[in-house]
Amino acid sequence: MEPIDSKNLCEILEQMQAHVELEHIRITQHAQVETIEDNYILDDLIEAVKNGQILEYYPEHPRGACCLLYGHTLSQRPIHIVCTTEQPVLIIITVYEPKLPKWITETQRRPKI
């Protein structure tokens, strides 16, 4: 994970939110399955991007630069979304609810032992 200043993260988040506003979104098959399994709907993903914050940034990801975004659904459920950051559309790669054992809190990973 490459360090990135908060100004750049804000710009990346604004770009992602602009994609959502323009409905420039693509959801991978994997993300569709995870959305159904965790009882989320498309509007939940859109809401989470609109109110979200970037937790982690992966500039060297095999699918291209992407990030882990944390937000809340329409019903205020926490959600994590991994999505692209440098494509002409926002590609949602996966979604899941942050919970134990991987996550201590909604924004803090459990340390690897």
N, C-alpha and C. Protein backbone atom coordinates (compact mmCIF):
# COMPACT_ATOMS: atom_id res chain seq x y z
N MET A 1 0.84 -1.17 0.00
CA MET A 1 0.00 0.00 0.00
C MET A 1 0.89 1.24 0.00
N GLU A 2 0.66 2.10 -0.95
CA GLU A 2 1.48 3.31 -1.10
C GLU A 2 0.87 4.46 -0.29
N PRO A 3 1.71 5.21 0.45
CA PRO A 3 1.16 6.36 1.16
C PRO A 3 0.64 7.39 0.16
N ILE A 4 -0.44 8.01 0.50
CA ILE A 4 -1.02 9.03 -0.37
C ILE A 4 -1.57 10.12 0.53
N ASP A 5 -1.39 11.35 0.11
CA ASP A 5 -1.85 12.43 0.98
C ASP A 5 -3.36 12.57 0.93
N SER A 6 -3.92 13.18 1.97
CA SER A 6 -5.36 13.26 2.10
C SER A 6 -6.01 14.08 0.98
N LYS A 7 -5.28 15.04 0.44
CA LYS A 7 -5.83 15.83 -0.67
C LYS A 7 -6.10 14.93 -1.87
N ASN A 8 -5.14 14.07 -2.19
CA ASN A 8 -5.32 13.15 -3.31
C ASN A 8 -6.45 12.16 -3.04
N LEU A 9 -6.57 11.69 -1.79
CA LEU A 9 -7.66 10.79 -1.45
C LEU A 9 -9.01 11.48 -1.63
N CYS A 10 -9.08 12.73 -1.25
CA CYS A 10 -10.33 13.50 -1.43
C CYS A 10 -10.67 13.61 -2.91
N GLU A 11 -9.68 13.86 -3.74
CA GLU A 11 -9.91 13.96 -5.18
C GLU A 11 -10.37 12.63 -5.76
N ILE A 12 -9.77 11.55 -5.31
CA ILE A 12 -10.16 10.21 -5.77
C ILE A 12 -11.60 9.93 -5.36
N LEU A 13 -11.94 10.22 -4.11
CA LEU A 13 -13.30 9.99 -3.63
C LEU A 13 -14.30 10.84 -4.41
N GLU A 14 -13.96 12.09 -4.67
CA GLU A 14 -14.85 12.96 -5.45
C GLU A 14 -15.07 12.41 -6.85
N GLN A 15 -14.03 11.86 -7.46
CA GLN A 15 -14.15 11.27 -8.78
C GLN A 15 -15.08 10.05 -8.73
N MET A 16 -14.93 9.22 -7.70
CA MET A 16 -15.79 8.05 -7.56
C MET A 16 -17.25 8.48 -7.37
N GLN A 17 -17.47 9.50 -6.57
CA GLN A 17 -18.82 10.00 -6.33
C GLN A 17 -19.42 10.60 -7.60
N ALA A 18 -18.58 11.23 -8.42
CA ALA A 18 -19.06 11.76 -9.70
C ALA A 18 -19.51 10.63 -10.62
N HIS A 19 -18.77 9.52 -10.64
CA HIS A 19 -19.18 8.36 -11.44
C HIS A 19 -20.56 7.88 -10.99
N VAL A 20 -20.77 7.84 -9.68
CA VAL A 20 -22.06 7.39 -9.15
C VAL A 20 -23.17 8.35 -9.59
N GLU A 21 -22.92 9.65 -9.46
CA GLU A 21 -23.93 10.64 -9.86
C GLU A 21 -24.30 10.52 -11.33
N LEU A 22 -23.31 10.20 -12.17
CA LEU A 22 -23.54 10.05 -13.61
C LEU A 22 -24.01 8.64 -13.99
N GLU A 23 -24.13 7.77 -12.98
CA GLU A 23 -24.52 6.36 -13.18
C GLU A 23 -23.51 5.62 -14.05
N HIS A 24 -22.26 5.98 -13.92
CA HIS A 24 -21.16 5.28 -14.60
C HIS A 24 -20.62 4.22 -13.65
N ILE A 25 -21.36 3.14 -13.50
CA ILE A 25 -21.04 2.08 -12.54
C ILE A 25 -21.12 0.73 -13.23
N ARG A 26 -20.17 -0.12 -12.91
CA ARG A 26 -20.22 -1.51 -13.34
C ARG A 26 -19.94 -2.37 -12.11
N ILE A 27 -20.66 -3.46 -11.96
CA ILE A 27 -20.49 -4.33 -10.80
C ILE A 27 -20.04 -5.70 -11.31
N THR A 28 -18.94 -6.19 -10.76
CA THR A 28 -18.44 -7.50 -11.18
C THR A 28 -19.42 -8.58 -10.72
N GLN A 29 -19.30 -9.73 -11.34
CA GLN A 29 -20.15 -10.86 -10.96
C GLN A 29 -19.90 -11.22 -9.49
N HIS A 30 -18.65 -11.18 -9.08
CA HIS A 30 -18.33 -11.49 -7.68
C HIS A 30 -19.04 -10.52 -6.74
N ALA A 31 -19.01 -9.23 -7.06
CA ALA A 31 -19.68 -8.24 -6.21
C ALA A 31 -21.19 -8.45 -6.21
N GLN A 32 -21.75 -8.86 -7.33
CA GLN A 32 -23.19 -9.14 -7.37
C GLN A 32 -23.55 -10.27 -6.42
N VAL A 33 -22.75 -11.31 -6.43
CA VAL A 33 -22.99 -12.45 -5.53
C VAL A 33 -22.88 -12.01 -4.08
N GLU A 34 -21.83 -11.27 -3.76
CA GLU A 34 -21.64 -10.80 -2.38
C GLU A 34 -22.78 -9.86 -1.95
N THR A 35 -23.25 -9.03 -2.86
CA THR A 35 -24.35 -8.12 -2.56
C THR A 35 -25.60 -8.91 -2.17
N ILE A 36 -25.90 -9.93 -2.92
CA ILE A 36 -27.07 -10.77 -2.63
C ILE A 36 -26.88 -11.52 -1.32
N GLU A 37 -25.70 -12.14 -1.13
CA GLU A 37 -25.45 -12.93 0.07
C GLU A 37 -25.53 -12.09 1.35
N ASP A 38 -25.11 -10.83 1.28
CA ASP A 38 -25.13 -9.96 2.46
C ASP A 38 -26.38 -9.08 2.54
N ASN A 39 -27.35 -9.36 1.67
CA ASN A 39 -28.63 -8.63 1.66
C ASN A 39 -28.48 -7.13 1.47
N TYR A 40 -27.62 -6.75 0.54
CA TYR A 40 -27.51 -5.36 0.11
C TYR A 40 -28.25 -5.23 -1.22
N ILE A 41 -28.59 -4.01 -1.57
CA ILE A 41 -29.17 -3.72 -2.89
C ILE A 41 -28.29 -2.65 -3.55
N LEU A 42 -28.50 -2.45 -4.84
CA LEU A 42 -27.69 -1.47 -5.57
C LEU A 42 -27.74 -0.09 -4.92
N ASP A 43 -28.91 0.33 -4.48
CA ASP A 43 -29.02 1.64 -3.83
C ASP A 43 -28.16 1.73 -2.57
N ASP A 44 -27.94 0.61 -1.88
CA ASP A 44 -27.06 0.61 -0.71
C ASP A 44 -25.62 0.92 -1.12
N LEU A 45 -25.19 0.33 -2.23
CA LEU A 45 -23.82 0.56 -2.70
C LEU A 45 -23.65 2.01 -3.12
N ILE A 46 -24.64 2.54 -3.81
CA ILE A 46 -24.59 3.94 -4.24
C ILE A 46 -24.55 4.88 -3.05
N GLU A 47 -25.39 4.62 -2.07
CA GLU A 47 -25.40 5.44 -0.85
C GLU A 47 -24.06 5.39 -0.14
N ALA A 48 -23.46 4.22 -0.06
CA ALA A 48 -22.17 4.07 0.63
C ALA A 48 -21.07 4.86 -0.07
N VAL A 49 -21.06 4.87 -1.39
CA VAL A 49 -20.06 5.66 -2.11
C VAL A 49 -20.31 7.14 -1.87
N LYS A 50 -21.56 7.54 -1.87
CA LYS A 50 -21.88 8.96 -1.66
C LYS A 50 -21.45 9.46 -0.29
N ASN A 51 -21.55 8.61 0.75
CA ASN A 51 -21.20 9.05 2.11
C ASN A 51 -19.91 8.43 2.62
N GLY A 52 -19.18 7.76 1.74
CA GLY A 52 -18.05 6.95 2.17
C GLY A 52 -16.75 7.70 2.40
N GLN A 53 -15.81 6.93 2.92
CA GLN A 53 -14.44 7.40 3.10
C GLN A 53 -13.51 6.29 2.65
N ILE A 54 -12.37 6.69 2.11
CA ILE A 54 -11.37 5.72 1.65
C ILE A 54 -10.54 5.28 2.85
N LEU A 55 -10.52 3.96 3.08
CA LEU A 55 -9.71 3.41 4.18
C LEU A 55 -8.32 3.01 3.71
N GLU A 56 -8.25 2.42 2.52
CA GLU A 56 -6.98 1.93 1.99
C GLU A 56 -6.93 2.20 0.50
N TYR A 57 -5.73 2.43 0.00
CA TYR A 57 -5.54 2.71 -1.42
C TYR A 57 -4.52 1.72 -1.97
N TYR A 58 -4.84 1.09 -3.10
CA TYR A 58 -3.99 0.07 -3.71
C TYR A 58 -3.62 0.49 -5.14
N PRO A 59 -2.60 1.32 -5.30
CA PRO A 59 -2.27 1.81 -6.65
C PRO A 59 -1.72 0.73 -7.58
N GLU A 60 -1.20 -0.35 -7.04
CA GLU A 60 -0.58 -1.41 -7.85
C GLU A 60 -1.44 -2.66 -7.95
N HIS A 61 -2.72 -2.55 -7.72
CA HIS A 61 -3.62 -3.71 -7.77
C HIS A 61 -3.61 -4.30 -9.18
N PRO A 62 -3.69 -5.65 -9.30
CA PRO A 62 -3.66 -6.28 -10.63
C PRO A 62 -4.75 -5.80 -11.59
N ARG A 63 -5.90 -5.36 -11.08
CA ARG A 63 -6.98 -4.86 -11.94
C ARG A 63 -6.84 -3.37 -12.20
N GLY A 64 -5.79 -2.77 -11.69
CA GLY A 64 -5.60 -1.33 -11.79
C GLY A 64 -5.82 -0.69 -10.43
N ALA A 65 -5.45 0.56 -10.33
CA ALA A 65 -5.56 1.26 -9.04
C ALA A 65 -6.98 1.14 -8.50
N CYS A 66 -7.07 0.82 -7.21
CA CYS A 66 -8.37 0.70 -6.57
C CYS A 66 -8.24 1.04 -5.09
N CYS A 67 -9.36 1.03 -4.41
CA CYS A 67 -9.34 1.37 -3.00
C CYS A 67 -10.40 0.58 -2.25
N LEU A 68 -10.23 0.58 -0.93
CA LEU A 68 -11.23 0.04 -0.02
C LEU A 68 -11.97 1.23 0.56
N LEU A 69 -13.27 1.26 0.32
CA LEU A 69 -14.11 2.35 0.77
C LEU A 69 -15.02 1.85 1.89
N TYR A 70 -15.20 2.67 2.91
CA TYR A 70 -16.11 2.37 4.01
C TYR A 70 -17.26 3.36 3.98
N GLY A 71 -18.47 2.87 4.09
CA GLY A 71 -19.62 3.74 4.11
C GLY A 71 -20.79 3.06 4.80
N HIS A 72 -21.95 3.69 4.68
CA HIS A 72 -23.18 3.15 5.27
C HIS A 72 -24.26 3.05 4.21
N THR A 73 -25.08 2.04 4.35
CA THR A 73 -26.20 1.82 3.44
C THR A 73 -27.35 2.76 3.77
N LEU A 74 -28.41 2.65 3.01
CA LEU A 74 -29.61 3.46 3.26
C LEU A 74 -30.16 3.22 4.67
N SER A 75 -30.02 1.99 5.18
CA SER A 75 -30.51 1.66 6.52
C SER A 75 -29.41 1.80 7.58
N GLN A 76 -28.30 2.45 7.21
CA GLN A 76 -27.17 2.73 8.11
C GLN A 76 -26.36 1.49 8.49
N ARG A 77 -26.43 0.43 7.70
CA ARG A 77 -25.56 -0.73 7.90
C ARG A 77 -24.17 -0.38 7.38
N PRO A 78 -23.12 -0.81 8.09
CA PRO A 78 -21.77 -0.57 7.58
C PRO A 78 -21.49 -1.47 6.38
N ILE A 79 -20.68 -0.96 5.47
CA ILE A 79 -20.32 -1.73 4.28
C ILE A 79 -18.93 -1.33 3.82
N HIS A 80 -18.19 -2.30 3.32
CA HIS A 80 -16.91 -2.07 2.66
C HIS A 80 -17.09 -2.38 1.19
N ILE A 81 -16.51 -1.52 0.36
CA ILE A 81 -16.58 -1.70 -1.09
C ILE A 81 -15.16 -1.56 -1.63
N VAL A 82 -14.72 -2.54 -2.40
CA VAL A 82 -13.46 -2.42 -3.11
C VAL A 82 -13.82 -2.06 -4.54
N CYS A 83 -13.27 -0.94 -5.03
CA CYS A 83 -13.61 -0.47 -6.36
C CYS A 83 -12.43 0.22 -7.03
N THR A 84 -12.53 0.34 -8.35
CA THR A 84 -11.49 0.99 -9.13
C THR A 84 -11.49 2.49 -8.86
N THR A 85 -10.35 3.11 -9.16
CA THR A 85 -10.25 4.56 -8.95
C THR A 85 -9.80 5.32 -10.19
N GLU A 86 -9.36 4.63 -11.22
CA GLU A 86 -8.81 5.33 -12.39
C GLU A 86 -9.37 4.82 -13.71
N GLN A 87 -10.62 4.44 -13.73
CA GLN A 87 -11.28 3.97 -14.94
C GLN A 87 -12.35 4.98 -15.36
N PRO A 88 -12.81 4.91 -16.60
CA PRO A 88 -13.89 5.83 -17.03
C PRO A 88 -15.24 5.50 -16.39
N VAL A 89 -15.33 4.34 -15.73
CA VAL A 89 -16.51 3.97 -14.95
C VAL A 89 -16.03 3.47 -13.60
N LEU A 90 -16.90 3.51 -12.61
CA LEU A 90 -16.58 2.96 -11.30
C LEU A 90 -16.90 1.47 -11.34
N ILE A 91 -15.88 0.65 -11.19
CA ILE A 91 -16.08 -0.80 -11.19
C ILE A 91 -16.03 -1.27 -9.74
N ILE A 92 -17.14 -1.83 -9.29
CA ILE A 92 -17.22 -2.37 -7.93
C ILE A 92 -16.77 -3.82 -8.00
N ILE A 93 -15.66 -4.11 -7.32
CA ILE A 93 -15.03 -5.42 -7.39
C ILE A 93 -15.61 -6.38 -6.36
N THR A 94 -15.80 -5.91 -5.13
CA THR A 94 -16.42 -6.73 -4.10
C THR A 94 -17.04 -5.83 -3.05
N VAL A 95 -17.97 -6.40 -2.30
CA VAL A 95 -18.62 -5.70 -1.19
C VAL A 95 -18.76 -6.69 -0.04
N TYR A 96 -18.69 -6.19 1.18
CA TYR A 96 -18.89 -7.06 2.34
C TYR A 96 -19.14 -6.21 3.58
N GLU A 97 -19.68 -6.85 4.60
CA GLU A 97 -19.88 -6.18 5.87
C GLU A 97 -18.64 -6.38 6.73
N PRO A 98 -18.04 -5.29 7.22
CA PRO A 98 -16.83 -5.44 8.05
C PRO A 98 -17.18 -6.03 9.42
N LYS A 99 -16.59 -7.19 9.72
CA LYS A 99 -16.89 -7.83 11.01
C LYS A 99 -15.75 -8.76 11.41
N LEU A 100 -15.81 -9.21 12.64
CA LEU A 100 -14.83 -10.15 13.14
C LEU A 100 -14.88 -11.42 12.30
N PRO A 101 -13.80 -12.12 12.12
CA PRO A 101 -12.50 -11.94 12.76
C PRO A 101 -11.56 -10.98 12.05
N LYS A 102 -11.88 -10.59 10.83
CA LYS A 102 -10.95 -9.74 10.05
C LYS A 102 -10.91 -8.30 10.53
N TRP A 103 -12.03 -7.79 11.01
CA TRP A 103 -12.14 -6.39 11.41
C TRP A 103 -12.48 -6.27 12.89
N ILE A 104 -11.70 -5.47 13.63
CA ILE A 104 -11.97 -5.21 15.05
C ILE A 104 -13.13 -4.22 15.16
N THR A 105 -13.05 -3.17 14.37
CA THR A 105 -14.14 -2.20 14.25
C THR A 105 -14.44 -2.07 12.76
N GLU A 106 -15.37 -1.23 12.43
CA GLU A 106 -15.74 -1.06 11.02
C GLU A 106 -14.62 -0.48 10.18
N THR A 107 -13.63 0.15 10.83
CA THR A 107 -12.54 0.78 10.08
C THR A 107 -11.15 0.30 10.50
N GLN A 108 -11.06 -0.63 11.43
CA GLN A 108 -9.75 -1.08 11.93
C GLN A 108 -9.61 -2.59 11.75
N ARG A 109 -8.59 -2.98 10.97
CA ARG A 109 -8.29 -4.39 10.74
C ARG A 109 -7.71 -5.02 12.00
N ARG A 110 -7.98 -6.31 12.15
CA ARG A 110 -7.31 -7.09 13.20
C ARG A 110 -5.86 -7.29 12.77
N PRO A 111 -4.90 -7.06 13.65
CA PRO A 111 -3.49 -7.24 13.27
C PRO A 111 -3.21 -8.70 12.90
N LYS A 112 -2.35 -8.86 11.89
CA LYS A 112 -1.93 -10.20 11.49
C LYS A 112 -0.91 -10.72 12.50
N ILE A 113 -1.05 -11.97 12.86
CA ILE A 113 -0.12 -12.57 13.84
C ILE A 113 0.93 -13.36 13.13
